[in-house]
Amino acid sequence: MVDSINRLEPNLVVITGDLTENGFSAEYDGVKGFIDRIECKNKILVPGNHDSKNAGYVHFEDLFTDRYFSRNFEDVTVVGADSSQPDLDEGHLGRENYGWIKEAFSGENFKVFAMHHHLVPIPLAGRENTVLVDAGDVLELLNRCKVNLVLCGHCHIPWVWNLNNMLVVNAGTFCSSKTRGKTTQCYNLIQADKENSNGNWKVRVSRVFSKGDRELVTETVM
């Protein structure tokens, strides 16, 4: 996977959590060495529910600094938030975070929001207890902020929804054998280019598989 990503020479790498199994220090040390091999200067990470087990979020902060952040990369704004709760599988963002998220997305950049838990239900996930408990409020907030792209993880099921011209892209897994149904290991390749001087963007979402082959999932202009 690392070699495959490095060959792409990406501008930005986003990892949406579950870096570890139990949030232990030794697991984090292994993950840090792994991620350091990705040759991209702009790496964005948010913790997952497994990373927050056993107070693992303190190790996350030591190695990857902020669990909540807003960063600008040229004409792209990326906002990340920790949706995990220590020792619970359920996700929660919380009203106390809505204000700064709205402020972070106040500009005209291409807007990306990253978190671990699902914002909307996806197929093959079973009972819908994997969605944020405050998903409705968060969805309305991001829609109002005209967010272009939402990145999620959690259930190892790759899927894409287009909601009000906002792409909600769920990651599968590349490093785990815990796949569901007929899904297989993959990661998402997202290409966003300005379409014209009116500020429109052409966005392509593809899946990259273990042998390097790609599958185009969706292409849209927003």
C-alpha atoms as a PDB file:
ATOM      1  CA  MET A   1       0.000   0.000   0.000  1.00  0.00           C
ATOM      2  CA  VAL A   2       2.774   2.435   0.902  1.00  0.00           C
ATOM      3  CA  ASP A   3       4.557   1.846  -2.406  1.00  0.00           C
ATOM      4  CA  SER A   4       1.290   2.260  -4.289  1.00  0.00           C
ATOM      5  CA  ILE A   5       0.543   5.593  -2.577  1.00  0.00           C
ATOM      6  CA  ASN A   6       4.070   6.880  -3.074  1.00  0.00           C
ATOM      7  CA  ARG A   7       3.909   6.166  -6.804  1.00  0.00           C
ATOM      8  CA  LEU A   8       0.838   8.409  -7.005  1.00  0.00           C
ATOM      9  CA  GLU A   9       2.731  11.339  -5.437  1.00  0.00           C
ATOM     10  CA  PRO A  10      -0.424  12.688  -3.747  1.00  0.00           C
ATOM     11  CA  ASN A  11      -0.829  16.259  -2.551  1.00  0.00           C
ATOM     12  CA  LEU A  12      -2.655  15.066   0.548  1.00  0.00           C
ATOM     13  CA  VAL A  13      -3.164  11.763   2.387  1.00  0.00           C
ATOM     14  CA  VAL A  14      -6.131  11.410   4.755  1.00  0.00           C
ATOM     15  CA  ILE A  15      -6.409   8.483   7.169  1.00  0.00           C
ATOM     16  CA  THR A  16      -9.789   8.236   8.892  1.00  0.00           C
ATOM     17  CA  GLY A  17      -8.957   6.228  11.960  1.00  0.00           C
ATOM     18  CA  ASP A  18      -8.609   2.764  13.452  1.00  0.00           C
ATOM     19  CA  LEU A  19      -4.855   2.874  13.222  1.00  0.00           C
ATOM     20  CA  THR A  20      -4.642   0.383  16.105  1.00  0.00           C
ATOM     21  CA  GLU A  21      -6.645  -2.484  17.557  1.00  0.00           C
ATOM     22  CA  ASN A  22      -6.625  -1.537  21.231  1.00  0.00           C
ATOM     23  CA  GLY A  23      -4.989   1.883  21.472  1.00  0.00           C
ATOM     24  CA  PHE A  24      -1.826   0.584  23.158  1.00  0.00           C
ATOM     25  CA  SER A  25       1.450   2.507  23.031  1.00  0.00           C
ATOM     26  CA  ALA A  26       3.326  -0.295  21.253  1.00  0.00           C
ATOM     27  CA  GLU A  27       0.649  -0.397  18.536  1.00  0.00           C
ATOM     28  CA  TYR A  28       0.940   3.343  18.018  1.00  0.00           C
ATOM     29  CA  ASP A  29       4.722   3.095  17.717  1.00  0.00           C
ATOM     30  CA  GLY A  30       4.337   0.532  14.941  1.00  0.00           C
ATOM     31  CA  VAL A  31       1.746   2.668  13.163  1.00  0.00           C
ATOM     32  CA  LYS A  32       3.957   5.762  13.340  1.00  0.00           C
ATOM     33  CA  GLY A  33       6.798   3.961  11.595  1.00  0.00           C
ATOM     34  CA  PHE A  34       4.403   2.714   8.944  1.00  0.00           C
ATOM     35  CA  ILE A  35       2.877   6.146   8.243  1.00  0.00           C
ATOM     36  CA  ASP A  36       6.307   7.804   8.177  1.00  0.00           C
ATOM     37  CA  ARG A  37       7.074   5.722   5.065  1.00  0.00           C
ATOM     38  CA  ILE A  38       4.318   7.527   3.141  1.00  0.00           C
ATOM     39  CA  GLU A  39       6.168  10.156   1.100  1.00  0.00           C
ATOM     40  CA  CYS A  40       3.637  12.966   1.358  1.00  0.00           C
ATOM     41  CA  LYS A  41       4.311  16.091   3.401  1.00  0.00           C
ATOM     42  CA  ASN A  42       0.594  16.716   3.992  1.00  0.00           C
ATOM     43  CA  LYS A  43      -0.850  13.866   6.064  1.00  0.00           C
ATOM     44  CA  ILE A  44      -4.155  14.208   7.892  1.00  0.00           C
ATOM     45  CA  LEU A  45      -5.187  11.725  10.592  1.00  0.00           C
ATOM     46  CA  VAL A  46      -8.240  11.445  12.817  1.00  0.00           C
ATOM     47  CA  PRO A  47      -8.619   8.728  15.490  1.00  0.00           C
ATOM     48  CA  GLY A  48     -11.140   5.913  15.367  1.00  0.00           C
ATOM     49  CA  ASN A  49     -12.983   4.119  18.138  1.00  0.00           C
ATOM     50  CA  HIS A  50     -10.241   1.471  18.409  1.00  0.00           C
ATOM     51  CA  ASP A  51      -7.610   4.186  18.755  1.00  0.00           C
ATOM     52  CA  SER A  52      -9.436   5.682  21.750  1.00  0.00           C
ATOM     53  CA  LYS A  53      -9.608   2.401  23.676  1.00  0.00           C
ATOM     54  CA  ASN A  54      -7.594   2.172  26.885  1.00  0.00           C
ATOM     55  CA  ALA A  55      -7.007   5.969  26.804  1.00  0.00           C
ATOM     56  CA  GLY A  56      -5.196   5.494  23.503  1.00  0.00           C
ATOM     57  CA  TYR A  57      -6.169   8.999  22.448  1.00  0.00           C
ATOM     58  CA  VAL A  58      -3.300  10.335  24.590  1.00  0.00           C
ATOM     59  CA  HIS A  59      -0.826   8.390  22.438  1.00  0.00           C
ATOM     60  CA  PHE A  60      -2.542   9.713  19.315  1.00  0.00           C
ATOM     61  CA  GLU A  61      -2.028  13.281  20.555  1.00  0.00           C
ATOM     62  CA  ASP A  62       1.622  12.596  21.362  1.00  0.00           C
ATOM     63  CA  LEU A  63       2.377  11.265  17.873  1.00  0.00           C
ATOM     64  CA  PHE A  64      -0.063  13.113  15.610  1.00  0.00           C
ATOM     65  CA  THR A  65      -0.881  16.243  17.686  1.00  0.00           C
ATOM     66  CA  ASP A  66      -4.437  17.498  17.280  1.00  0.00           C
ATOM     67  CA  ARG A  67      -7.612  15.418  17.266  1.00  0.00           C
ATOM     68  CA  TYR A  68      -9.569  18.493  16.119  1.00  0.00           C
ATOM     69  CA  PHE A  69      -8.104  20.832  13.521  1.00  0.00           C
ATOM     70  CA  SER A  70      -8.566  23.040  10.470  1.00  0.00           C
ATOM     71  CA  ARG A  71      -5.820  23.280   7.861  1.00  0.00           C
ATOM     72  CA  ASN A  72      -5.499  25.011   4.514  1.00  0.00           C
ATOM     73  CA  PHE A  73      -3.563  23.564   1.568  1.00  0.00           C
ATOM     74  CA  GLU A  74      -3.527  26.157  -1.219  1.00  0.00           C
ATOM     75  CA  ASP A  75      -7.212  26.271  -2.284  1.00  0.00           C
ATOM     76  CA  VAL A  76      -8.348  23.312  -0.159  1.00  0.00           C
ATOM     77  CA  THR A  77      -9.585  23.502   3.445  1.00  0.00           C
ATOM     78  CA  VAL A  78      -9.532  20.284   5.490  1.00  0.00           C
ATOM     79  CA  VAL A  79     -11.334  20.095   8.831  1.00  0.00           C
ATOM     80  CA  GLY A  80     -10.865  17.000  10.979  1.00  0.00           C
ATOM     81  CA  ALA A  81     -12.728  15.988  14.121  1.00  0.00           C
ATOM     82  CA  ASP A  82     -12.484  13.105  16.569  1.00  0.00           C
ATOM     83  CA  SER A  83     -15.858  11.348  16.498  1.00  0.00           C
ATOM     84  CA  SER A  84     -14.767   8.585  18.873  1.00  0.00           C
ATOM     85  CA  GLN A  85     -15.688   8.163  22.535  1.00  0.00           C
ATOM     86  CA  PRO A  86     -13.285   6.335  24.862  1.00  0.00           C
ATOM     87  CA  ASP A  87     -14.112   2.617  25.120  1.00  0.00           C
ATOM     88  CA  LEU A  88     -17.376   3.014  23.145  1.00  0.00           C
ATOM     89  CA  ASP A  89     -18.045   1.958  19.559  1.00  0.00           C
ATOM     90  CA  GLU A  90     -20.651   4.674  18.961  1.00  0.00           C
ATOM     91  CA  GLY A  91     -19.625   7.927  17.316  1.00  0.00           C
ATOM     92  CA  HIS A  92     -20.491  11.418  18.518  1.00  0.00           C
ATOM     93  CA  LEU A  93     -19.311  14.820  17.319  1.00  0.00           C
ATOM     94  CA  GLY A  94     -21.094  17.099  19.791  1.00  0.00           C
ATOM     95  CA  ARG A  95     -22.767  20.504  19.581  1.00  0.00           C
ATOM     96  CA  GLU A  96     -19.767  22.133  21.240  1.00  0.00           C
ATOM     97  CA  ASN A  97     -17.831  21.563  17.992  1.00  0.00           C
ATOM     98  CA  TYR A  98     -20.384  22.901  15.518  1.00  0.00           C
ATOM     99  CA  GLY A  99     -19.384  26.554  15.936  1.00  0.00           C
ATOM    100  CA  TRP A 100     -15.697  26.258  15.092  1.00  0.00           C
ATOM    101  CA  ILE A 101     -16.447  23.843  12.241  1.00  0.00           C
ATOM    102  CA  LYS A 102     -18.803  26.424  10.725  1.00  0.00           C
ATOM    103  CA  GLU A 103     -16.158  29.139  11.133  1.00  0.00           C
ATOM    104  CA  ALA A 104     -13.451  26.951   9.571  1.00  0.00           C
ATOM    105  CA  PHE A 105     -15.588  26.450   6.470  1.00  0.00           C
ATOM    106  CA  SER A 106     -16.479  30.120   6.055  1.00  0.00           C
ATOM    107  CA  GLY A 107     -14.175  30.627   3.035  1.00  0.00           C
ATOM    108  CA  GLU A 108     -14.541  29.706  -0.633  1.00  0.00           C
ATOM    109  CA  ASN A 109     -11.974  26.903  -0.793  1.00  0.00           C
ATOM    110  CA  PHE A 110     -12.718  23.306  -1.775  1.00  0.00           C
ATOM    111  CA  LYS A 111     -14.013  21.979   1.557  1.00  0.00           C
ATOM    112  CA  VAL A 112     -13.161  18.571   3.037  1.00  0.00           C
ATOM    113  CA  PHE A 113     -14.411  17.191   6.353  1.00  0.00           C
ATOM    114  CA  ALA A 114     -12.767  14.094   7.871  1.00  0.00           C
ATOM    115  CA  MET A 115     -13.955  11.911  10.747  1.00  0.00           C
ATOM    116  CA  HIS A 116     -14.073   8.229  11.593  1.00  0.00           C
ATOM    117  CA  HIS A 117     -17.732   7.253  11.999  1.00  0.00           C
ATOM    118  CA  HIS A 118     -20.320   7.094   9.230  1.00  0.00           C
ATOM    119  CA  LEU A 119     -22.309  10.222   8.529  1.00  0.00           C
ATOM    120  CA  VAL A 120     -25.051   8.301   6.694  1.00  0.00           C
ATOM    121  CA  PRO A 121     -25.913   4.574   6.561  1.00  0.00           C
ATOM    122  CA  ILE A 122     -24.140   2.387   4.023  1.00  0.00           C
ATOM    123  CA  PRO A 123     -24.932  -1.104   2.642  1.00  0.00           C
ATOM    124  CA  LEU A 124     -23.594  -4.259   4.326  1.00  0.00           C
ATOM    125  CA  ALA A 125     -23.076  -2.488   7.658  1.00  0.00           C
ATOM    126  CA  GLY A 126     -25.798  -4.466   9.438  1.00  0.00           C
ATOM    127  CA  ARG A 127     -27.762  -2.662  12.142  1.00  0.00           C
ATOM    128  CA  GLU A 128     -27.339   1.078  11.761  1.00  0.00           C
ATOM    129  CA  ASN A 129     -25.596   1.697  15.070  1.00  0.00           C
ATOM    130  CA  THR A 130     -22.392   2.744  13.314  1.00  0.00           C
ATOM    131  CA  VAL A 131     -23.736   6.175  12.294  1.00  0.00           C
ATOM    132  CA  LEU A 132     -22.969   9.236  14.442  1.00  0.00           C
ATOM    133  CA  VAL A 133     -25.564   9.644  17.178  1.00  0.00           C
ATOM    134  CA  ASP A 134     -25.873  13.304  16.129  1.00  0.00           C
ATOM    135  CA  ALA A 135     -25.631  12.524  12.409  1.00  0.00           C
ATOM    136  CA  GLY A 136     -28.687  14.576  11.431  1.00  0.00           C
ATOM    137  CA  ASP A 137     -27.354  17.768  12.987  1.00  0.00           C
ATOM    138  CA  VAL A 138     -23.866  17.225  11.544  1.00  0.00           C
ATOM    139  CA  LEU A 139     -25.270  16.496   8.084  1.00  0.00           C
ATOM    140  CA  GLU A 140     -27.309  19.700   8.171  1.00  0.00           C
ATOM    141  CA  LEU A 141     -24.277  21.676   9.369  1.00  0.00           C
ATOM    142  CA  LEU A 142     -21.989  20.404   6.609  1.00  0.00           C
ATOM    143  CA  ASN A 143     -24.674  20.919   3.976  1.00  0.00           C
ATOM    144  CA  ARG A 144     -25.176  24.504   5.177  1.00  0.00           C
ATOM    145  CA  CYS A 145     -21.405  25.074   5.011  1.00  0.00           C
ATOM    146  CA  LYS A 146     -21.406  23.800   1.401  1.00  0.00           C
ATOM    147  CA  VAL A 147     -18.827  21.119   2.159  1.00  0.00           C
ATOM    148  CA  ASN A 148     -17.700  19.328  -1.000  1.00  0.00           C
ATOM    149  CA  LEU A 149     -16.298  16.118   0.420  1.00  0.00           C
ATOM    150  CA  VAL A 150     -16.835  14.125   3.630  1.00  0.00           C
ATOM    151  CA  LEU A 151     -14.376  11.315   4.411  1.00  0.00           C
ATOM    152  CA  CYS A 152     -15.322   8.515   6.842  1.00  0.00           C
ATOM    153  CA  GLY A 153     -14.075   5.068   7.828  1.00  0.00           C
ATOM    154  CA  HIS A 154     -15.175   2.636  10.566  1.00  0.00           C
ATOM    155  CA  CYS A 155     -16.894  -0.416   9.001  1.00  0.00           C
ATOM    156  CA  HIS A 156     -14.303  -1.316   6.323  1.00  0.00           C
ATOM    157  CA  ILE A 157     -16.920  -0.930   3.578  1.00  0.00           C
ATOM    158  CA  PRO A 158     -16.015   1.339   0.652  1.00  0.00           C
ATOM    159  CA  TRP A 159     -19.010   3.355  -0.497  1.00  0.00           C
ATOM    160  CA  VAL A 160     -19.904   6.743  -1.969  1.00  0.00           C
ATOM    161  CA  TRP A 161     -23.094   8.807  -1.593  1.00  0.00           C
ATOM    162  CA  ASN A 162     -23.811  12.063  -3.413  1.00  0.00           C
ATOM    163  CA  LEU A 163     -26.064  14.167  -1.174  1.00  0.00           C
ATOM    164  CA  ASN A 164     -27.007  17.685  -2.292  1.00  0.00           C
ATOM    165  CA  ASN A 165     -23.818  17.791  -4.391  1.00  0.00           C
ATOM    166  CA  MET A 166     -21.726  16.755  -1.361  1.00  0.00           C
ATOM    167  CA  LEU A 167     -19.784  13.516  -1.767  1.00  0.00           C
ATOM    168  CA  VAL A 168     -19.742  11.294   1.336  1.00  0.00           C
ATOM    169  CA  VAL A 169     -16.901   8.835   0.758  1.00  0.00           C
ATOM    170  CA  ASN A 170     -16.438   5.890   3.100  1.00  0.00           C
ATOM    171  CA  ALA A 171     -13.093   4.103   3.180  1.00  0.00           C
ATOM    172  CA  GLY A 172     -12.663   0.377   3.088  1.00  0.00           C
ATOM    173  CA  THR A 173      -9.535  -1.186   4.566  1.00  0.00           C
ATOM    174  CA  PHE A 174      -6.197  -1.989   3.001  1.00  0.00           C
ATOM    175  CA  CYS A 175      -4.242  -3.449   5.898  1.00  0.00           C
ATOM    176  CA  SER A 176      -6.905  -5.569   7.627  1.00  0.00           C
ATOM    177  CA  SER A 177      -8.429  -8.917   6.728  1.00  0.00           C
ATOM    178  CA  LYS A 178     -11.711  -7.766   8.330  1.00  0.00           C
ATOM    179  CA  THR A 179     -13.640  -7.203   5.115  1.00  0.00           C
ATOM    180  CA  ARG A 180     -17.386  -7.705   4.676  1.00  0.00           C
ATOM    181  CA  GLY A 181     -19.289  -9.647   2.049  1.00  0.00           C
ATOM    182  CA  LYS A 182     -17.478  -9.566  -1.272  1.00  0.00           C
ATOM    183  CA  THR A 183     -15.523  -6.399  -0.556  1.00  0.00           C
ATOM    184  CA  THR A 184     -11.758  -6.613  -0.678  1.00  0.00           C
ATOM    185  CA  GLN A 185      -8.814  -4.528   0.489  1.00  0.00           C
ATOM    186  CA  CYS A 186      -8.625  -1.123  -1.165  1.00  0.00           C
ATOM    187  CA  TYR A 187      -8.156   2.590  -0.549  1.00  0.00           C
ATOM    188  CA  ASN A 188      -9.812   5.621  -2.132  1.00  0.00           C
ATOM    189  CA  LEU A 189      -8.087   7.806  -4.708  1.00  0.00           C
ATOM    190  CA  ILE A 190      -9.806  11.195  -4.972  1.00  0.00           C
ATOM    191  CA  GLN A 191      -8.828  13.602  -7.740  1.00  0.00           C
ATOM    192  CA  ALA A 192     -10.188  17.150  -7.557  1.00  0.00           C
ATOM    193  CA  ASP A 193      -9.381  19.743 -10.203  1.00  0.00           C
ATOM    194  CA  LYS A 194     -10.793  23.184 -10.872  1.00  0.00           C
ATOM    195  CA  GLU A 195     -13.104  22.862 -13.868  1.00  0.00           C
ATOM    196  CA  ASN A 196     -13.248  26.550 -14.840  1.00  0.00           C
ATOM    197  CA  SER A 197     -12.841  30.112 -13.599  1.00  0.00           C
ATOM    198  CA  ASN A 198     -16.314  30.025 -12.012  1.00  0.00           C
ATOM    199  CA  GLY A 199     -14.936  28.004  -9.126  1.00  0.00           C
ATOM    200  CA  ASN A 200     -16.442  24.645 -10.135  1.00  0.00           C
ATOM    201  CA  TRP A 201     -14.505  21.482  -9.360  1.00  0.00           C
ATOM    202  CA  LYS A 202     -14.353  18.186 -11.211  1.00  0.00           C
ATOM    203  CA  VAL A 203     -14.089  15.354  -8.684  1.00  0.00           C
ATOM    204  CA  ARG A 204     -13.302  11.704  -9.449  1.00  0.00           C
ATOM    205  CA  VAL A 205     -13.408   8.956  -6.825  1.00  0.00           C
ATOM    206  CA  SER A 206     -11.687   5.653  -7.606  1.00  0.00           C
ATOM    207  CA  ARG A 207     -10.746   2.579  -5.616  1.00  0.00           C
ATOM    208  CA  VAL A 208      -7.197   1.293  -5.726  1.00  0.00           C
ATOM    209  CA  PHE A 209      -6.769  -2.428  -5.015  1.00  0.00           C
ATOM    210  CA  SER A 210      -3.858  -4.447  -3.694  1.00  0.00           C
ATOM    211  CA  LYS A 211      -2.402  -5.206  -7.140  1.00  0.00           C
ATOM    212  CA  GLY A 212      -2.595  -1.557  -8.143  1.00  0.00           C
ATOM    213  CA  ASP A 213      -5.615  -1.757 -10.445  1.00  0.00           C
ATOM    214  CA  ARG A 214      -8.225   1.015 -10.185  1.00  0.00           C
ATOM    215  CA  GLU A 215     -11.999   1.147 -10.395  1.00  0.00           C
ATOM    216  CA  LEU A 216     -13.732   4.462 -11.106  1.00  0.00           C
ATOM    217  CA  VAL A 217     -16.655   4.851  -8.684  1.00  0.00           C
ATOM    218  CA  THR A 218     -18.040   8.284  -9.485  1.00  0.00           C
ATOM    219  CA  GLU A 219     -17.260  11.485 -11.347  1.00  0.00           C
ATOM    220  CA  THR A 220     -19.063  14.768 -10.765  1.00  0.00           C
ATOM    221  CA  VAL A 221     -18.761  18.525 -11.141  1.00  0.00           C
ATOM    222  CA  MET A 222     -19.573  20.665  -8.133  1.00  0.00           C
END
